Amino acid sequence: MFFSLSPKKDPENLYDRERELELLSSYYETGRLIILTGMRRIGKTSLLLVFLEKLKKKGERVVFMDCRNYEKPGGYDRFSFDRDLTEAILGQVKRYLKITKTISKIRVAGIELSFENVERKPHLPSYLKVADEILKKKKRKLVIALDEAQSLRYYGRGGIEILNLLAYSYDHLENVLFILTGSEVGVLHDFLKAEDPGSPLYGRYLHEITLDRFSPEKSVDFLYKGFQQLGIDPSPSKIQEAVQELDGIVGYLSMYGYVVYTTGNWDTALEETKKMAMRMVKKEIKELRRRSENYFHVLKAIARGARTYSQIKDFVTIHFGRITDQTLSNNLSALQKMGFLTVVYEKNRKIYIIPDPMVQEALMG
């Protein structure tokens, strides 16, 4: 159903993303590295998982990893990431190798692979090279999907080893395709550095798909069709109110439909939805404050109505203390890259906006 709280896998439960699925299919045929971006709770993971399920049904080999799972205080669990990725790659090609329980090693393309000792630090390029060689003969591809890939910037030295791996795969492994998603769009682009001559990915063409929020009309249609799936008669006035408050963000709209379905109470559903959403958002704001208290000060200023650079600086100075121009500029830039701010221009003025209505509301408290 449209209103499940977990990411979708069945295309029947994915609303109005046919164009993006077609783009993914097209880039899959010709591309080497695909980037899928969009703000938080916009449906990137659902779109990706639906696409991966389609590939599985065609017999393609698929690996999915959420890169956030390996973040730890002060760094990144590289060992577990490498181990899990290696095991996943081996799991996708084992079926083609006629491995028996008594065989622990095999030599392919001049590389010896161990099926038992992935507890030692594996050499990921070697395993990918073997997978490429095997899949070439089978006329198959290995698709490695790395969800929220901006987390890989913590993978030691700014993630340079991962960038080297992506560049190596791009240049030499025709049957291996990487798909990266990111909700911190600017951070992901800064990590990949595709336009930086010093980056391993410099000069490589990256196919990018950006998911947008639903228009008000599509938001209404999404809710109507979702309730029809469940045999619930829609309440037009309540749906219009929800769309106005939740602003086309599919994660919140799905949450609203789920609350109506489980409680049966149209009168309290929107308030309950906002409470659920607020709990998630407050955790994100707490994490943001852990990185820098200045981020919170700047967002608070914007939530309270400061919209231009000078207004934000005045608000922060009055309520939290002096902030330098350089610090404020850096904070605004970082918050945009992390997806907490967007910029629009009104009468040639640069205006800062919080795009997520629940973040805006949480900061008003």
Protein backbone atom coordinates (compact mmCIF):
# COMPACT_ATOMS: atom_id res chain seq x y z
CA MET A 1 0.00 0.00 0.00
CA PHE A 2 1.05 3.63 -0.48
CA PHE A 3 0.88 4.30 3.25
CA SER A 4 3.44 1.84 4.63
CA LEU A 5 6.04 3.49 6.88
CA SER A 6 8.94 1.40 5.58
CA PRO A 7 10.48 1.95 2.12
CA LYS A 8 8.54 0.37 -0.73
CA LYS A 9 9.80 -2.52 -2.85
CA ASP A 10 6.71 -3.33 -4.91
CA PRO A 11 6.17 -1.03 -7.92
CA GLU A 12 2.44 -1.15 -7.20
CA ASN A 13 3.11 0.78 -4.00
CA LEU A 14 5.24 3.47 -5.61
CA TYR A 15 3.22 6.51 -6.65
CA ASP A 16 4.06 8.69 -9.65
CA ARG A 17 7.73 7.88 -10.13
CA GLU A 18 7.45 6.32 -13.59
CA ARG A 19 9.67 8.97 -15.17
CA GLU A 20 12.42 8.42 -12.60
CA LEU A 21 12.19 4.63 -13.02
CA GLU A 22 12.54 5.07 -16.78
CA LEU A 23 15.60 7.26 -16.25
CA LEU A 24 17.14 4.67 -13.92
CA SER A 25 16.54 1.96 -16.52
CA SER A 26 18.10 4.10 -19.24
CA TYR A 27 21.15 5.03 -17.17
CA TYR A 28 21.51 1.42 -16.07
CA GLU A 29 21.97 0.39 -19.70
CA THR A 30 24.58 2.99 -20.60
CA GLY A 31 25.91 4.57 -17.39
CA ARG A 32 28.77 3.72 -15.07
CA LEU A 33 27.81 5.63 -11.94
CA ILE A 34 24.32 6.88 -11.03
CA ILE A 35 23.52 9.48 -8.38
CA LEU A 36 20.02 9.68 -6.87
CA THR A 37 19.43 12.81 -4.79
CA GLY A 38 16.63 14.64 -3.03
CA MET A 39 15.64 16.02 0.36
CA ARG A 40 14.97 13.76 3.34
CA ARG A 41 11.78 11.68 3.27
CA ILE A 42 11.17 12.37 -0.41
CA GLY A 43 11.19 8.68 -1.42
CA LYS A 44 14.71 8.02 -2.72
CA THR A 45 15.13 4.67 -0.96
CA SER A 46 11.71 3.45 -2.10
CA LEU A 47 12.46 4.36 -5.71
CA LEU A 48 15.84 2.64 -5.50
CA LEU A 49 14.48 -0.55 -3.90
CA VAL A 50 11.68 -0.84 -6.46
CA PHE A 51 14.23 -0.51 -9.24
CA LEU A 52 16.52 -3.11 -7.65
CA GLU A 53 13.61 -5.55 -7.31
CA LYS A 54 12.93 -5.15 -11.04
CA LEU A 55 16.56 -5.97 -11.78
CA LYS A 56 16.46 -9.05 -9.55
CA LYS A 57 13.46 -10.38 -11.44
CA LYS A 58 15.52 -10.05 -14.64
CA GLY A 59 18.28 -12.13 -13.07
CA GLU A 60 20.72 -9.31 -12.38
CA ARG A 61 22.87 -9.44 -9.25
CA VAL A 62 22.12 -6.75 -6.67
CA VAL A 63 23.74 -5.47 -3.47
CA PHE A 64 22.12 -2.84 -1.23
CA MET A 65 23.87 -1.19 1.74
CA ASP A 66 22.84 1.71 3.97
CA CYS A 67 26.09 3.59 4.56
CA ARG A 68 24.77 5.28 7.70
CA ASN A 69 24.88 1.93 9.52
CA TYR A 70 28.68 2.15 9.70
CA GLU A 71 28.99 5.62 11.18
CA LYS A 72 30.39 5.67 14.69
CA PRO A 73 31.43 8.44 17.09
CA GLY A 74 34.54 10.04 15.72
CA GLY A 75 34.78 8.02 12.53
CA TYR A 76 33.59 5.14 10.38
CA ASP A 77 33.57 1.38 10.86
CA ARG A 78 35.60 0.63 7.76
CA PHE A 79 36.26 -2.96 8.72
CA SER A 80 32.56 -3.87 8.99
CA PHE A 81 31.72 -1.96 5.80
CA ASP A 82 34.45 -3.75 3.81
CA ARG A 83 33.52 -7.12 5.29
CA ASP A 84 29.79 -6.74 4.61
CA LEU A 85 30.33 -5.45 1.08
CA THR A 86 32.76 -8.29 0.31
CA GLU A 87 30.38 -10.91 1.67
CA ALA A 88 27.54 -9.41 -0.36
CA ILE A 89 29.63 -9.47 -3.56
CA LEU A 90 30.63 -13.08 -2.94
CA GLY A 91 27.02 -13.97 -2.24
CA GLN A 92 26.01 -12.64 -5.65
CA VAL A 93 28.61 -14.56 -7.68
CA LYS A 94 28.90 -17.82 -5.73
CA ARG A 95 26.00 -19.35 -7.63
CA TYR A 96 28.06 -19.22 -10.83
CA LEU A 97 31.19 -20.84 -9.37
CA LYS A 98 29.94 -24.34 -8.43
CA ILE A 99 31.33 -23.94 -4.91
CA THR A 100 31.04 -26.91 -2.59
CA LYS A 101 31.30 -26.83 1.19
CA THR A 102 34.80 -28.34 1.01
CA ILE A 103 36.18 -25.54 -1.19
CA SER A 104 37.39 -22.50 0.74
CA LYS A 105 39.42 -20.76 -1.99
CA ILE A 106 39.20 -20.31 -5.72
CA ARG A 107 41.36 -18.58 -8.32
CA VAL A 108 39.67 -16.40 -10.94
CA ALA A 109 41.29 -13.92 -13.32
CA GLY A 110 44.63 -14.46 -11.60
CA ILE A 111 43.18 -13.54 -8.19
CA GLU A 112 42.79 -15.94 -5.30
CA LEU A 113 39.54 -15.48 -3.40
CA SER A 114 38.87 -16.81 0.09
CA PHE A 115 35.30 -17.75 0.96
CA GLU A 116 36.10 -18.17 4.63
CA ASN A 117 38.47 -15.40 5.63
CA VAL A 118 36.61 -12.22 4.85
CA GLU A 119 37.16 -11.39 8.50
CA ARG A 120 40.60 -10.22 7.40
CA LYS A 121 40.70 -6.88 5.61
CA PRO A 122 39.56 -7.72 2.06
CA HIS A 123 40.89 -6.02 -1.04
CA LEU A 124 37.64 -4.76 -2.54
CA PRO A 125 38.96 -4.04 -6.07
CA SER A 126 40.05 -7.68 -6.37
CA TYR A 127 36.63 -9.01 -5.45
CA LEU A 128 34.96 -6.59 -7.85
CA LYS A 129 37.33 -7.59 -10.64
CA VAL A 130 36.46 -11.25 -10.11
CA ALA A 131 32.75 -10.45 -10.06
CA ASP A 132 33.13 -8.51 -13.31
CA GLU A 133 34.96 -11.40 -15.00
CA ILE A 134 32.34 -13.93 -13.92
CA LEU A 135 29.35 -11.78 -14.83
CA LYS A 136 30.81 -10.88 -18.21
CA LYS A 137 30.64 -14.54 -19.20
CA LYS A 138 27.08 -14.79 -17.90
CA LYS A 139 26.03 -11.54 -19.58
CA ARG A 140 24.89 -10.16 -16.25
CA LYS A 141 25.63 -7.08 -14.17
CA LEU A 142 26.35 -6.50 -10.52
CA VAL A 143 24.58 -3.41 -9.20
CA ILE A 144 25.92 -2.05 -5.91
CA ALA A 145 23.52 0.47 -4.35
CA LEU A 146 24.96 2.60 -1.54
CA ASP A 147 22.20 4.44 0.29
CA GLU A 148 23.05 7.82 1.91
CA ALA A 149 26.53 7.59 0.43
CA GLN A 150 27.63 10.97 1.80
CA SER A 151 28.40 9.05 5.02
CA LEU A 152 31.38 7.53 3.20
CA ARG A 153 33.25 10.82 3.58
CA TYR A 154 34.08 9.55 7.07
CA TYR A 155 35.73 6.46 5.57
CA GLY A 156 39.23 7.70 6.40
CA ARG A 157 41.09 10.54 4.61
CA GLY A 158 37.85 11.99 3.27
CA GLY A 159 36.82 8.67 1.73
CA ILE A 160 39.62 8.75 -0.87
CA GLU A 161 39.86 4.94 -0.95
CA ILE A 162 36.16 4.67 -1.79
CA LEU A 163 36.55 7.30 -4.51
CA ASN A 164 39.48 5.31 -5.91
CA LEU A 165 37.29 2.20 -5.87
CA LEU A 166 34.49 4.00 -7.74
CA ALA A 167 36.96 5.36 -10.31
CA TYR A 168 38.54 1.93 -10.81
CA SER A 169 35.13 0.35 -11.32
CA TYR A 170 34.07 3.15 -13.67
CA ASP A 171 37.14 2.75 -15.85
CA HIS A 172 37.68 -1.01 -15.88
CA LEU A 173 34.62 -3.01 -14.77
CA GLU A 174 31.95 -2.90 -17.44
CA ASN A 175 29.64 -5.29 -15.60
CA VAL A 176 29.70 -3.49 -12.25
CA LEU A 177 27.45 -0.47 -11.72
CA PHE A 178 27.28 1.74 -8.63
CA ILE A 179 24.17 3.70 -7.60
CA LEU A 180 24.63 6.25 -4.81
CA THR A 181 21.83 8.07 -3.01
CA GLY A 182 22.15 11.18 -0.88
CA SER A 183 19.79 13.44 1.06
CA GLU A 184 22.65 15.82 1.93
CA VAL A 185 23.01 16.68 -1.73
CA GLY A 186 25.75 19.28 -1.50
CA VAL A 187 27.72 17.12 0.92
CA LEU A 188 27.51 14.17 -1.47
CA HIS A 189 28.75 16.29 -4.37
CA ASP A 190 31.56 17.69 -2.24
CA PHE A 191 32.54 14.13 -1.34
CA LEU A 192 32.56 12.90 -4.96
CA LYS A 193 34.45 15.98 -6.24
CA ALA A 194 33.70 15.05 -9.84
CA GLU A 195 34.72 18.54 -11.02
CA ASP A 196 37.91 18.70 -8.96
CA PRO A 197 41.05 17.88 -11.01
CA GLY A 198 42.53 16.31 -7.87
CA SER A 199 39.66 13.87 -7.40
CA PRO A 200 39.79 10.24 -8.63
CA LEU A 201 36.38 10.80 -10.26
CA TYR A 202 37.40 13.93 -12.14
CA GLY A 203 36.27 13.85 -15.76
CA ARG A 204 33.85 10.96 -15.29
CA TYR A 205 30.26 11.60 -16.29
CA LEU A 206 27.83 10.96 -13.45
CA HIS A 207 24.18 10.38 -14.30
CA GLU A 208 22.07 12.19 -11.71
CA ILE A 209 18.36 11.96 -10.91
CA THR A 210 16.82 14.40 -8.42
CA LEU A 211 13.50 13.65 -6.74
CA ASP A 212 11.20 16.59 -6.09
CA ARG A 213 8.32 16.91 -3.65
CA PHE A 214 4.81 16.33 -4.97
CA SER A 215 2.79 19.30 -6.20
CA PRO A 216 -0.38 20.06 -4.19
CA GLU A 217 -2.45 18.36 -6.90
CA LYS A 218 -0.33 15.21 -6.82
CA SER A 219 -0.31 15.20 -3.04
CA VAL A 220 -4.10 15.21 -3.00
CA ASP A 221 -4.23 12.49 -5.64
CA PHE A 222 -1.69 10.40 -3.70
CA LEU A 223 -3.82 10.53 -0.56
CA TYR A 224 -7.08 9.85 -2.40
CA LYS A 225 -5.66 6.82 -4.19
CA GLY A 226 -3.97 5.56 -1.03
CA PHE A 227 -7.23 5.67 0.90
CA GLN A 228 -9.04 3.99 -1.99
CA GLN A 229 -6.52 1.13 -1.76
CA LEU A 230 -7.60 0.67 1.86
CA GLY A 231 -11.33 1.02 1.22
CA ILE A 232 -11.51 4.26 3.22
CA ASP A 233 -13.79 7.07 2.09
CA PRO A 234 -11.61 10.19 1.87
CA SER A 235 -12.45 13.36 3.78
CA PRO A 236 -11.78 16.14 1.23
CA SER A 237 -11.42 18.91 3.81
CA LYS A 238 -9.04 16.87 5.99
CA ILE A 239 -6.94 15.89 2.98
CA GLN A 240 -6.63 19.51 1.87
CA GLU A 241 -5.55 20.48 5.39
CA ALA A 242 -2.95 17.70 5.49
CA VAL A 243 -1.54 18.64 2.09
CA GLN A 244 -1.22 22.26 3.14
CA GLU A 245 0.63 21.32 6.34
CA LEU A 246 2.83 18.49 5.01
CA ASP A 247 3.81 20.22 1.77
CA GLY A 248 4.25 17.42 -0.75
CA ILE A 249 6.83 15.40 1.20
CA VAL A 250 5.83 11.82 0.51
CA GLY A 251 7.23 10.46 3.77
CA TYR A 252 4.93 12.72 5.79
CA LEU A 253 1.94 12.09 3.51
CA SER A 254 2.42 8.33 3.87
CA MET A 255 2.66 8.75 7.64
CA TYR A 256 -0.61 10.69 7.64
CA GLY A 257 -2.39 8.00 5.64
CA TYR A 258 -1.02 5.34 7.96
CA VAL A 259 -2.26 7.20 11.05
CA VAL A 260 -5.77 7.57 9.57
CA TYR A 261 -5.78 3.87 8.66
CA THR A 262 -4.61 2.64 12.06
CA THR A 263 -6.61 5.01 14.28
CA GLY A 264 -9.69 5.60 12.14
CA ASN A 265 -9.79 9.15 13.51
CA TRP A 266 -9.71 11.91 10.90
CA ASP A 267 -9.97 14.63 13.54
CA THR A 268 -6.69 13.81 15.32
CA ALA A 269 -4.73 12.22 12.46
CA LEU A 270 -2.88 15.33 11.30
CA GLU A 271 -1.80 16.28 14.83
CA GLU A 272 -0.64 12.70 15.51
CA THR A 273 1.28 12.69 12.23
CA LYS A 274 3.03 15.92 13.13
CA LYS A 275 3.97 14.51 16.55
CA MET A 276 5.52 11.42 14.89
CA ALA A 277 7.34 13.56 12.34
CA MET A 278 8.53 15.95 15.03
CA ARG A 279 10.17 13.13 16.97
CA MET A 280 12.26 12.22 13.92
CA VAL A 281 13.09 15.81 13.11
CA LYS A 282 14.15 16.64 16.66
CA LYS A 283 16.64 13.77 16.61
CA GLU A 284 18.11 15.21 13.41
CA ILE A 285 18.32 18.68 14.92
CA LYS A 286 19.98 17.24 18.02
CA GLU A 287 22.61 15.59 15.83
CA LEU A 288 23.08 18.86 13.95
CA ARG A 289 23.66 20.71 17.24
CA ARG A 290 26.23 18.10 18.19
CA ARG A 291 28.19 19.06 15.08
CA SER A 292 27.90 22.78 15.74
CA GLU A 293 25.69 24.91 17.98
CA ASN A 294 25.95 27.65 15.37
CA TYR A 295 23.93 25.53 12.92
CA PHE A 296 21.08 25.54 15.41
CA HIS A 297 21.36 29.29 15.98
CA VAL A 298 21.19 30.02 12.25
CA LEU A 299 18.23 27.69 11.67
CA LYS A 300 16.44 29.16 14.67
CA ALA A 301 16.86 32.63 13.22
CA ILE A 302 15.38 31.59 9.87
CA ALA A 303 12.50 29.70 11.50
CA ARG A 304 11.68 32.84 13.46
CA GLY A 305 11.43 34.96 10.31
CA ALA A 306 14.96 36.14 9.53
CA ARG A 307 15.27 35.56 5.79
CA THR A 308 18.22 37.59 4.48
CA TYR A 309 21.88 37.38 5.45
CA SER A 310 21.77 40.63 7.45
CA GLN A 311 18.53 39.65 9.23
CA ILE A 312 19.99 36.27 10.20
CA LYS A 313 23.18 37.86 11.51
CA ASP A 314 21.24 40.40 13.55
CA PHE A 315 18.97 37.72 15.06
CA VAL A 316 21.86 35.43 16.00
CA THR A 317 23.86 38.31 17.48
CA ILE A 318 20.94 39.54 19.59
CA HIS A 319 19.78 36.14 20.86
CA PHE A 320 22.95 34.01 20.95
CA GLY A 321 25.96 36.32 20.77
CA ARG A 322 28.39 37.65 18.19
CA ILE A 323 28.97 35.67 15.00
CA THR A 324 31.57 36.62 12.38
CA ASP A 325 30.71 37.03 8.71
CA GLN A 326 32.97 34.13 7.80
CA THR A 327 31.35 31.79 10.34
CA LEU A 328 27.85 32.75 9.25
CA SER A 329 28.70 32.29 5.56
CA ASN A 330 30.22 28.90 6.29
CA ASN A 331 27.18 27.86 8.34
CA LEU A 332 24.70 28.91 5.65
CA SER A 333 26.68 27.08 2.98
CA ALA A 334 26.94 23.91 5.09
CA LEU A 335 23.24 23.90 5.96
CA GLN A 336 22.36 24.19 2.28
CA LYS A 337 24.62 21.27 1.42
CA MET A 338 23.05 19.18 4.17
CA GLY A 339 19.58 19.93 2.85
CA PHE A 340 18.35 21.96 5.83
CA LEU A 341 18.18 25.19 3.79
CA THR A 342 17.32 26.23 0.28
CA VAL A 343 17.84 29.61 -1.39
CA VAL A 344 15.44 31.61 -3.53
CA TYR A 345 15.74 35.11 -4.97
CA GLU A 346 13.11 37.80 -4.43
CA LYS A 347 13.67 41.20 -6.05
CA ASN A 348 17.37 40.37 -6.42
CA ARG A 349 17.61 39.52 -2.73
CA LYS A 350 18.95 36.17 -1.57
CA ILE A 351 16.35 34.58 0.69
CA TYR A 352 17.01 31.55 2.93
CA ILE A 353 14.17 29.07 3.47
CA ILE A 354 13.78 25.90 5.54
CA PRO A 355 12.25 23.46 3.00
CA ASP A 356 10.90 20.92 5.50
CA PRO A 357 7.77 22.21 7.28
CA MET A 358 8.35 19.90 10.24
CA VAL A 359 11.88 21.22 10.75
CA GLN A 360 10.45 24.73 10.59
CA GLU A 361 7.81 23.88 13.20
CA ALA A 362 10.25 22.06 15.50
CA LEU A 363 12.51 25.12 15.56
CA MET A 364 9.62 27.39 16.48
CA GLY A 365 9.29 25.67 19.85
